[in-house]
């Protein structure tokens, strides 16, 4: 067997292996997504459904309201692929700061798969995020702020 034939055979075997691994990884994820979506399983973080107690206190019922993402255009009731950028909000739910590279979705799995986490690899983004929160108050440095400052200056 010549070197070129051997290389072609090895490349074909590697490609077959990569495709089979992708299929073996993707099928359980798709099954989990379908089960969670089809059965309206509520995320522990409340990222897909919000349980609301009815108005009548005595004998009130629990109603599940789907979470809406993408500026009110995507409902977790109809698809699990809705997402929006993560951020910090004030009490009136106005977004004060968007965290770059982090997305939130109906399922935690979707959030992890869609996020690049790029902010955590950028000094400037970390400090912007600190300043966007109460952690960035220079008159009262918190342990977290001190730790992050020490990590980035060493």
N, C-alpha and C. Protein backbone atom coordinates (compact mmCIF):
# COMPACT_ATOMS: atom_id res chain seq x y z
N UNK A 1 0.86 -1.18 0.00
CA UNK A 1 0.00 0.00 0.00
C UNK A 1 0.90 1.23 0.00
N UNK A 2 0.59 2.15 -0.90
CA UNK A 2 1.40 3.36 -0.99
C UNK A 2 1.03 4.33 0.13
N UNK A 3 1.89 5.32 0.33
CA UNK A 3 1.67 6.31 1.37
C UNK A 3 0.40 7.11 1.10
N UNK A 4 0.17 7.47 -0.16
CA UNK A 4 -1.03 8.25 -0.48
C UNK A 4 -2.30 7.43 -0.26
N UNK A 5 -2.30 6.13 -0.61
CA UNK A 5 -3.45 5.28 -0.36
C UNK A 5 -3.71 5.13 1.14
N UNK A 6 -2.62 4.96 1.89
CA UNK A 6 -2.73 4.84 3.33
C UNK A 6 -3.33 6.12 3.92
N UNK A 7 -2.87 7.28 3.45
CA UNK A 7 -3.38 8.57 3.94
C UNK A 7 -4.86 8.73 3.61
N UNK A 8 -5.27 8.33 2.41
CA UNK A 8 -6.68 8.41 2.01
C UNK A 8 -7.53 7.52 2.92
N UNK A 9 -7.04 6.32 3.21
CA UNK A 9 -7.78 5.39 4.06
C UNK A 9 -7.88 5.92 5.50
N UNK A 10 -6.81 6.48 6.01
CA UNK A 10 -6.81 7.06 7.36
C UNK A 10 -7.77 8.25 7.42
N UNK A 11 -7.71 9.13 6.41
CA UNK A 11 -8.61 10.29 6.38
C UNK A 11 -10.07 9.86 6.34
N UNK A 12 -10.38 8.82 5.56
CA UNK A 12 -11.75 8.30 5.50
C UNK A 12 -12.20 7.73 6.83
N UNK A 13 -11.32 7.01 7.50
CA UNK A 13 -11.64 6.44 8.81
C UNK A 13 -11.87 7.53 9.84
N UNK A 14 -11.03 8.56 9.83
CA UNK A 14 -11.20 9.68 10.76
C UNK A 14 -12.50 10.43 10.52
N UNK A 15 -12.84 10.64 9.26
CA UNK A 15 -14.08 11.34 8.93
C UNK A 15 -15.29 10.52 9.39
N UNK A 16 -15.26 9.21 9.17
CA UNK A 16 -16.34 8.34 9.62
C UNK A 16 -16.46 8.38 11.14
N UNK A 17 -15.34 8.35 11.84
CA UNK A 17 -15.33 8.42 13.30
C UNK A 17 -15.91 9.74 13.79
N UNK A 18 -15.49 10.85 13.18
CA UNK A 18 -16.00 12.17 13.58
C UNK A 18 -17.51 12.27 13.36
N UNK A 19 -18.00 11.77 12.25
CA UNK A 19 -19.44 11.82 11.97
C UNK A 19 -20.23 10.95 12.94
N UNK A 20 -19.69 9.78 13.28
CA UNK A 20 -20.41 8.90 14.20
C UNK A 20 -20.43 9.48 15.61
N UNK A 21 -19.35 10.12 16.04
CA UNK A 21 -19.31 10.75 17.36
C UNK A 21 -20.31 11.90 17.41
N UNK A 22 -20.37 12.68 16.35
CA UNK A 22 -21.33 13.78 16.28
C UNK A 22 -22.76 13.27 16.42
N UNK A 23 -23.07 12.18 15.73
CA UNK A 23 -24.41 11.59 15.81
C UNK A 23 -24.68 11.05 17.21
N UNK A 24 -23.71 10.36 17.79
CA UNK A 24 -23.88 9.80 19.14
C UNK A 24 -24.06 10.90 20.18
N UNK A 25 -23.45 12.05 19.98
CA UNK A 25 -23.58 13.18 20.91
C UNK A 25 -24.89 13.92 20.69
N UNK A 26 -25.28 14.09 19.44
CA UNK A 26 -26.44 14.90 19.10
C UNK A 26 -27.77 14.21 19.46
N UNK A 27 -27.87 12.93 19.25
CA UNK A 27 -29.14 12.23 19.48
C UNK A 27 -29.64 12.35 20.92
N UNK A 28 -28.80 12.09 21.94
CA UNK A 28 -29.31 12.28 23.31
C UNK A 28 -29.70 13.72 23.62
N UNK A 29 -28.96 14.69 23.08
CA UNK A 29 -29.33 16.10 23.29
C UNK A 29 -30.69 16.40 22.67
N UNK A 30 -30.90 15.94 21.47
CA UNK A 30 -32.18 16.17 20.79
C UNK A 30 -33.31 15.48 21.54
N UNK A 31 -33.04 14.28 22.07
CA UNK A 31 -34.06 13.57 22.82
C UNK A 31 -34.41 14.35 24.09
N UNK A 32 -33.41 14.85 24.80
CA UNK A 32 -33.65 15.64 26.01
C UNK A 32 -34.46 16.89 25.68
N UNK A 33 -34.08 17.58 24.61
CA UNK A 33 -34.81 18.79 24.20
C UNK A 33 -36.27 18.47 23.90
N UNK A 34 -36.49 17.39 23.16
CA UNK A 34 -37.85 17.01 22.78
C UNK A 34 -38.68 16.63 24.00
N UNK A 35 -38.10 15.89 24.93
CA UNK A 35 -38.83 15.48 26.13
C UNK A 35 -39.17 16.71 26.99
N UNK A 36 -38.19 17.58 27.19
CA UNK A 36 -38.42 18.77 28.02
C UNK A 36 -39.46 19.68 27.38
N UNK A 37 -39.37 19.88 26.07
CA UNK A 37 -40.31 20.76 25.38
C UNK A 37 -41.70 20.12 25.28
N UNK A 38 -41.75 18.87 24.88
CA UNK A 38 -43.03 18.20 24.67
C UNK A 38 -43.84 18.01 25.94
N UNK A 39 -43.15 17.86 27.07
CA UNK A 39 -43.84 17.65 28.35
C UNK A 39 -43.92 18.93 29.18
N UNK A 40 -43.47 20.04 28.62
CA UNK A 40 -43.50 21.34 29.29
C UNK A 40 -42.86 21.27 30.68
N UNK A 41 -41.70 20.60 30.75
CA UNK A 41 -40.98 20.51 32.01
C UNK A 41 -40.48 21.89 32.40
N UNK A 42 -40.65 22.26 33.64
CA UNK A 42 -40.26 23.58 34.11
C UNK A 42 -38.81 23.55 34.57
N UNK A 43 -38.01 24.44 34.03
CA UNK A 43 -36.62 24.58 34.43
C UNK A 43 -36.55 25.04 35.88
N UNK A 44 -35.55 24.55 36.62
CA UNK A 44 -35.40 24.98 38.01
C UNK A 44 -35.10 26.47 38.11
N UNK A 45 -34.58 27.06 37.06
CA UNK A 45 -34.29 28.49 37.05
C UNK A 45 -35.48 29.32 36.59
N UNK A 46 -36.54 28.66 36.16
CA UNK A 46 -37.71 29.39 35.66
C UNK A 46 -37.43 30.08 34.35
N UNK A 47 -36.54 29.53 33.55
CA UNK A 47 -36.17 30.18 32.30
C UNK A 47 -37.11 29.83 31.14
N UNK A 48 -38.02 28.88 31.34
CA UNK A 48 -38.95 28.53 30.26
C UNK A 48 -40.42 28.71 30.65
N UNK A 49 -40.77 28.45 31.89
CA UNK A 49 -42.14 28.61 32.38
C UNK A 49 -42.10 29.28 33.74
N UNK A 50 -43.05 30.17 33.97
CA UNK A 50 -43.18 30.85 35.27
C UNK A 50 -44.47 30.39 35.91
N UNK A 51 -44.39 29.63 37.01
CA UNK A 51 -45.62 29.25 37.70
C UNK A 51 -46.20 30.44 38.46
N UNK A 52 -47.46 30.74 38.23
CA UNK A 52 -48.15 31.87 38.86
C UNK A 52 -49.37 31.32 39.61
N UNK A 53 -49.53 31.76 40.86
CA UNK A 53 -50.71 31.38 41.63
C UNK A 53 -51.86 32.28 41.22
N UNK A 54 -53.04 31.67 41.03
CA UNK A 54 -54.22 32.42 40.62
C UNK A 54 -54.59 33.50 41.62
N UNK A 55 -55.47 34.40 41.25
CA UNK A 55 -55.85 35.55 42.08
C UNK A 55 -56.65 35.15 43.32
N UNK A 56 -57.47 34.15 43.20
CA UNK A 56 -58.31 33.72 44.32
C UNK A 56 -57.45 32.90 45.28
N UNK A 57 -57.18 33.41 46.47
CA UNK A 57 -56.29 32.75 47.43
C UNK A 57 -56.84 31.39 47.86
N UNK A 58 -58.13 31.31 48.19
CA UNK A 58 -58.73 30.05 48.62
C UNK A 58 -59.06 29.23 47.38
N UNK A 59 -58.48 28.06 47.31
CA UNK A 59 -58.74 27.19 46.17
C UNK A 59 -58.15 27.70 44.87
N UNK A 60 -57.11 28.51 44.96
CA UNK A 60 -56.52 29.07 43.74
C UNK A 60 -55.74 28.00 43.00
N UNK A 61 -55.65 28.17 41.74
CA UNK A 61 -54.94 27.22 40.90
C UNK A 61 -53.58 27.78 40.50
N UNK A 62 -52.70 26.89 40.10
CA UNK A 62 -51.38 27.26 39.64
C UNK A 62 -51.40 27.30 38.12
N UNK A 63 -51.01 28.41 37.56
CA UNK A 63 -50.99 28.58 36.11
C UNK A 63 -49.55 28.77 35.67
N UNK A 64 -49.16 28.04 34.62
CA UNK A 64 -47.81 28.19 34.07
C UNK A 64 -47.85 29.13 32.87
N UNK A 65 -47.07 30.19 32.95
CA UNK A 65 -46.98 31.18 31.88
C UNK A 65 -45.65 30.98 31.17
N UNK A 66 -45.67 30.83 29.85
CA UNK A 66 -44.40 30.64 29.14
C UNK A 66 -43.56 31.92 29.14
N UNK A 67 -42.25 31.75 29.23
CA UNK A 67 -41.33 32.89 29.16
C UNK A 67 -41.17 33.27 27.70
N UNK A 68 -41.13 34.57 27.43
CA UNK A 68 -41.01 35.11 26.08
C UNK A 68 -39.63 35.76 25.95
N UNK A 69 -38.94 35.45 24.86
CA UNK A 69 -37.61 36.01 24.59
C UNK A 69 -37.64 36.79 23.28
N UNK A 70 -36.50 37.36 22.92
CA UNK A 70 -36.30 38.08 21.64
C UNK A 70 -37.32 39.19 21.44
N UNK A 71 -37.37 40.12 22.39
CA UNK A 71 -38.29 41.26 22.29
C UNK A 71 -39.73 40.82 22.06
N UNK A 72 -40.17 39.87 22.86
CA UNK A 72 -41.55 39.38 22.83
C UNK A 72 -41.90 38.64 21.54
N UNK A 73 -40.91 38.08 20.84
CA UNK A 73 -41.22 37.42 19.57
C UNK A 73 -41.04 35.90 19.61
N UNK A 74 -40.54 35.35 20.70
CA UNK A 74 -40.30 33.91 20.75
C UNK A 74 -40.77 33.36 22.09
N UNK A 75 -41.68 32.41 22.05
CA UNK A 75 -42.27 31.86 23.26
C UNK A 75 -41.73 30.45 23.54
N UNK A 76 -41.37 30.20 24.78
CA UNK A 76 -40.91 28.86 25.18
C UNK A 76 -42.05 27.85 25.13
N UNK A 77 -43.30 28.30 24.98
CA UNK A 77 -44.42 27.38 24.84
C UNK A 77 -44.40 26.68 23.49
N UNK A 78 -43.82 27.32 22.49
CA UNK A 78 -43.85 26.75 21.14
C UNK A 78 -42.51 26.19 20.68
N UNK A 79 -41.41 26.66 21.24
CA UNK A 79 -40.09 26.16 20.86
C UNK A 79 -39.11 26.35 22.02
N UNK A 80 -38.15 25.46 22.10
CA UNK A 80 -37.15 25.59 23.16
C UNK A 80 -35.92 26.36 22.67
N UNK A 81 -35.94 26.83 21.43
CA UNK A 81 -34.77 27.50 20.88
C UNK A 81 -34.80 29.01 21.01
N UNK A 82 -35.67 29.55 21.87
CA UNK A 82 -35.70 30.99 22.11
C UNK A 82 -34.50 31.40 22.97
N UNK A 83 -33.98 32.58 22.74
CA UNK A 83 -32.88 33.07 23.55
C UNK A 83 -32.82 34.59 23.51
N UNK A 84 -32.07 35.15 24.45
CA UNK A 84 -31.83 36.57 24.51
C UNK A 84 -30.48 36.76 25.21
N UNK A 85 -29.89 37.92 25.06
CA UNK A 85 -28.59 38.16 25.71
C UNK A 85 -28.78 38.34 27.21
N UNK A 86 -27.82 37.86 27.97
CA UNK A 86 -27.87 37.99 29.43
C UNK A 86 -27.48 39.41 29.81
N UNK A 87 -27.95 39.85 30.96
CA UNK A 87 -27.61 41.19 31.40
C UNK A 87 -28.03 41.44 32.83
N UNK A 88 -27.82 42.67 33.25
CA UNK A 88 -28.23 43.13 34.57
C UNK A 88 -29.42 44.06 34.39
N UNK A 89 -30.42 43.88 35.25
CA UNK A 89 -31.67 44.63 35.15
C UNK A 89 -31.91 45.41 36.43
N UNK A 90 -32.67 46.49 36.32
CA UNK A 90 -33.09 47.20 37.53
C UNK A 90 -34.43 46.63 38.00
N UNK A 91 -35.00 47.22 39.04
CA UNK A 91 -36.25 46.71 39.61
C UNK A 91 -37.43 46.77 38.66
N UNK A 92 -37.39 47.68 37.70
CA UNK A 92 -38.49 47.77 36.73
C UNK A 92 -38.21 46.93 35.48
N UNK A 93 -37.23 46.02 35.58
CA UNK A 93 -36.86 45.09 34.51
C UNK A 93 -36.33 45.76 33.25
N UNK A 94 -35.72 46.93 33.41
CA UNK A 94 -35.03 47.58 32.30
C UNK A 94 -33.59 47.08 32.29
N UNK A 95 -33.13 46.64 31.13
CA UNK A 95 -31.77 46.11 31.05
C UNK A 95 -30.76 47.24 31.17
N UNK A 96 -29.88 47.14 32.16
CA UNK A 96 -28.86 48.16 32.40
C UNK A 96 -27.55 47.83 31.70
N UNK A 97 -27.27 46.55 31.57
CA UNK A 97 -25.99 46.13 30.99
C UNK A 97 -26.17 44.77 30.33
N UNK A 98 -25.64 44.60 29.13
CA UNK A 98 -25.67 43.33 28.42
C UNK A 98 -24.31 42.66 28.57
N UNK A 99 -24.32 41.41 28.97
CA UNK A 99 -23.08 40.64 29.13
C UNK A 99 -22.74 40.01 27.79
N UNK A 100 -21.61 40.40 27.24
CA UNK A 100 -21.21 39.92 25.92
C UNK A 100 -20.89 38.43 25.96
N UNK A 101 -21.40 37.71 24.97
CA UNK A 101 -21.07 36.30 24.82
C UNK A 101 -21.87 35.34 25.68
N UNK A 102 -22.85 35.85 26.45
CA UNK A 102 -23.67 34.98 27.28
C UNK A 102 -25.12 35.15 26.87
N UNK A 103 -25.73 34.05 26.50
CA UNK A 103 -27.13 34.06 26.09
C UNK A 103 -27.95 33.23 27.07
N UNK A 104 -29.18 33.63 27.29
CA UNK A 104 -30.12 32.89 28.12
C UNK A 104 -31.23 32.37 27.24
N UNK A 105 -31.64 31.14 27.51
CA UNK A 105 -32.70 30.54 26.72
C UNK A 105 -33.67 29.76 27.57
N UNK A 106 -34.58 29.09 26.89
CA UNK A 106 -35.63 28.34 27.59
C UNK A 106 -35.04 27.25 28.47
N UNK A 107 -34.02 26.59 28.01
CA UNK A 107 -33.38 25.52 28.77
C UNK A 107 -31.93 25.89 29.05
N UNK A 108 -31.43 25.47 30.19
CA UNK A 108 -30.02 25.74 30.54
C UNK A 108 -29.09 25.16 29.47
N UNK A 109 -29.45 24.00 28.96
CA UNK A 109 -28.64 23.37 27.92
C UNK A 109 -28.52 24.27 26.70
N UNK A 110 -29.62 24.88 26.29
CA UNK A 110 -29.59 25.80 25.15
C UNK A 110 -28.69 26.99 25.44
N UNK A 111 -28.79 27.51 26.64
CA UNK A 111 -27.97 28.66 27.03
C UNK A 111 -26.48 28.34 26.93
N UNK A 112 -26.10 27.19 27.42
CA UNK A 112 -24.69 26.78 27.40
C UNK A 112 -24.21 26.58 25.98
N UNK A 113 -25.01 25.91 25.17
CA UNK A 113 -24.60 25.62 23.79
C UNK A 113 -24.53 26.89 22.93
N UNK A 114 -25.36 27.88 23.22
CA UNK A 114 -25.38 29.10 22.41
C UNK A 114 -24.37 30.15 22.86
N UNK A 115 -23.88 30.06 24.08
CA UNK A 115 -23.00 31.09 24.63
C UNK A 115 -21.54 30.84 24.27
N UNK A 116 -20.84 31.94 23.97
CA UNK A 116 -19.40 31.83 23.69
C UNK A 116 -18.57 32.09 24.95
N UNK A 117 -19.18 32.71 25.95
CA UNK A 117 -18.51 33.07 27.22
C UNK A 117 -17.32 34.00 26.99
N UNK A 118 -17.34 34.74 25.90
CA UNK A 118 -16.20 35.59 25.54
C UNK A 118 -15.90 36.66 26.57
N UNK A 119 -16.89 37.11 27.32
CA UNK A 119 -16.66 38.16 28.31
C UNK A 119 -15.66 37.70 29.37
N UNK A 120 -15.70 36.42 29.72
CA UNK A 120 -14.83 35.91 30.77
C UNK A 120 -13.36 35.83 30.35
N UNK A 121 -13.09 36.06 29.06
CA UNK A 121 -11.72 36.04 28.55
C UNK A 121 -11.21 37.45 28.24
N UNK A 122 -11.93 38.45 28.69
CA UNK A 122 -11.58 39.83 28.39
C UNK A 122 -11.53 40.66 29.67
N UNK A 123 -10.36 41.22 29.97
CA UNK A 123 -10.23 42.08 31.16
C UNK A 123 -11.20 43.24 31.12
N UNK A 124 -11.29 43.91 29.97
CA UNK A 124 -12.15 45.08 29.89
C UNK A 124 -13.62 44.70 30.10
N UNK A 125 -14.04 43.57 29.58
CA UNK A 125 -15.43 43.14 29.75
C UNK A 125 -15.71 42.81 31.22
N UNK A 126 -14.78 42.15 31.88
CA UNK A 126 -14.96 41.83 33.31
C UNK A 126 -15.11 43.12 34.11
N UNK A 127 -14.25 44.10 33.87
CA UNK A 127 -14.34 45.35 34.63
C UNK A 127 -15.58 46.16 34.26
N UNK A 128 -16.02 46.11 33.00
CA UNK A 128 -17.29 46.75 32.62
C UNK A 128 -18.44 46.11 33.38
N UNK A 129 -18.40 44.78 33.49
CA UNK A 129 -19.45 44.07 34.18
C UNK A 129 -19.44 44.41 35.68
N UNK A 130 -18.27 44.52 36.26
CA UNK A 130 -18.17 44.90 37.67
C UNK A 130 -18.71 46.31 37.88
N UNK A 131 -18.37 47.21 36.99
CA UNK A 131 -18.85 48.59 37.11
C UNK A 131 -20.35 48.70 36.88
N UNK A 132 -20.92 47.77 36.13
CA UNK A 132 -22.36 47.80 35.87
C UNK A 132 -23.17 47.28 37.05
N UNK A 133 -22.49 46.69 38.01
CA UNK A 133 -23.17 46.16 39.20
C UNK A 133 -22.74 46.96 40.41
N UNK A 134 -23.29 46.61 41.53
CA UNK A 134 -22.88 47.26 42.78
C UNK A 134 -21.47 46.86 43.19
N UNK A 135 -20.92 45.82 42.57
CA UNK A 135 -19.55 45.40 42.88
C UNK A 135 -18.54 46.46 42.48
N UNK A 136 -18.92 47.34 41.55
CA UNK A 136 -18.00 48.34 41.05
C UNK A 136 -17.96 49.62 41.85
N UNK A 137 -18.56 49.66 43.03
CA UNK A 137 -18.55 50.85 43.87
C UNK A 137 -17.17 51.02 44.48
N UNK A 138 -16.36 51.98 43.99
CA UNK A 138 -14.97 52.10 44.47
C UNK A 138 -14.85 52.52 45.93
N UNK A 139 -15.91 53.14 46.48
CA UNK A 139 -15.82 53.57 47.88
C UNK A 139 -15.98 52.40 48.84
N UNK A 140 -16.58 51.30 48.37
CA UNK A 140 -16.76 50.12 49.20
C UNK A 140 -16.34 48.88 48.40
N UNK A 141 -15.04 48.63 48.25
CA UNK A 141 -14.64 47.45 47.49
C UNK A 141 -15.07 46.17 48.21
N UNK A 142 -15.65 45.28 47.45
CA UNK A 142 -16.09 44.01 48.02
C UNK A 142 -14.99 42.97 47.86
N UNK A 143 -15.12 41.86 48.56
CA UNK A 143 -14.14 40.78 48.45
C UNK A 143 -14.04 40.29 47.02
N UNK A 144 -15.18 40.24 46.32
CA UNK A 144 -15.19 39.78 44.93
C UNK A 144 -14.38 40.74 44.05
N UNK A 145 -14.59 42.02 44.21
CA UNK A 145 -13.86 43.02 43.42
C UNK A 145 -12.36 42.94 43.71
N UNK A 146 -12.00 42.80 44.98
CA UNK A 146 -10.59 42.70 45.36
C UNK A 146 -9.97 41.46 44.74
N UNK A 147 -10.67 40.32 44.80
CA UNK A 147 -10.17 39.08 44.24
C UNK A 147 -9.97 39.19 42.74
N UNK A 148 -10.96 39.73 42.02
CA UNK A 148 -10.85 39.86 40.57
C UNK A 148 -9.73 40.82 40.21
N UNK A 149 -9.59 41.91 40.93
CA UNK A 149 -8.51 42.87 40.68
C UNK A 149 -7.16 42.19 40.86
N UNK A 150 -7.02 41.40 41.91
CA UNK A 150 -5.74 40.71 42.16
C UNK A 150 -5.47 39.68 41.06
N UNK A 151 -6.48 38.98 40.63
CA UNK A 151 -6.29 37.97 39.58
C UNK A 151 -5.82 38.59 38.28
N UNK A 152 -6.36 39.74 37.92
CA UNK A 152 -6.03 40.35 36.64
C UNK A 152 -4.75 41.20 36.68
N UNK A 153 -4.25 41.49 37.87
CA UNK A 153 -3.03 42.28 37.94
C UNK A 153 -1.80 41.43 38.23
N UNK A 154 -1.96 40.12 38.33
CA UNK A 154 -0.81 39.23 38.57
C UNK A 154 -0.48 38.43 37.37
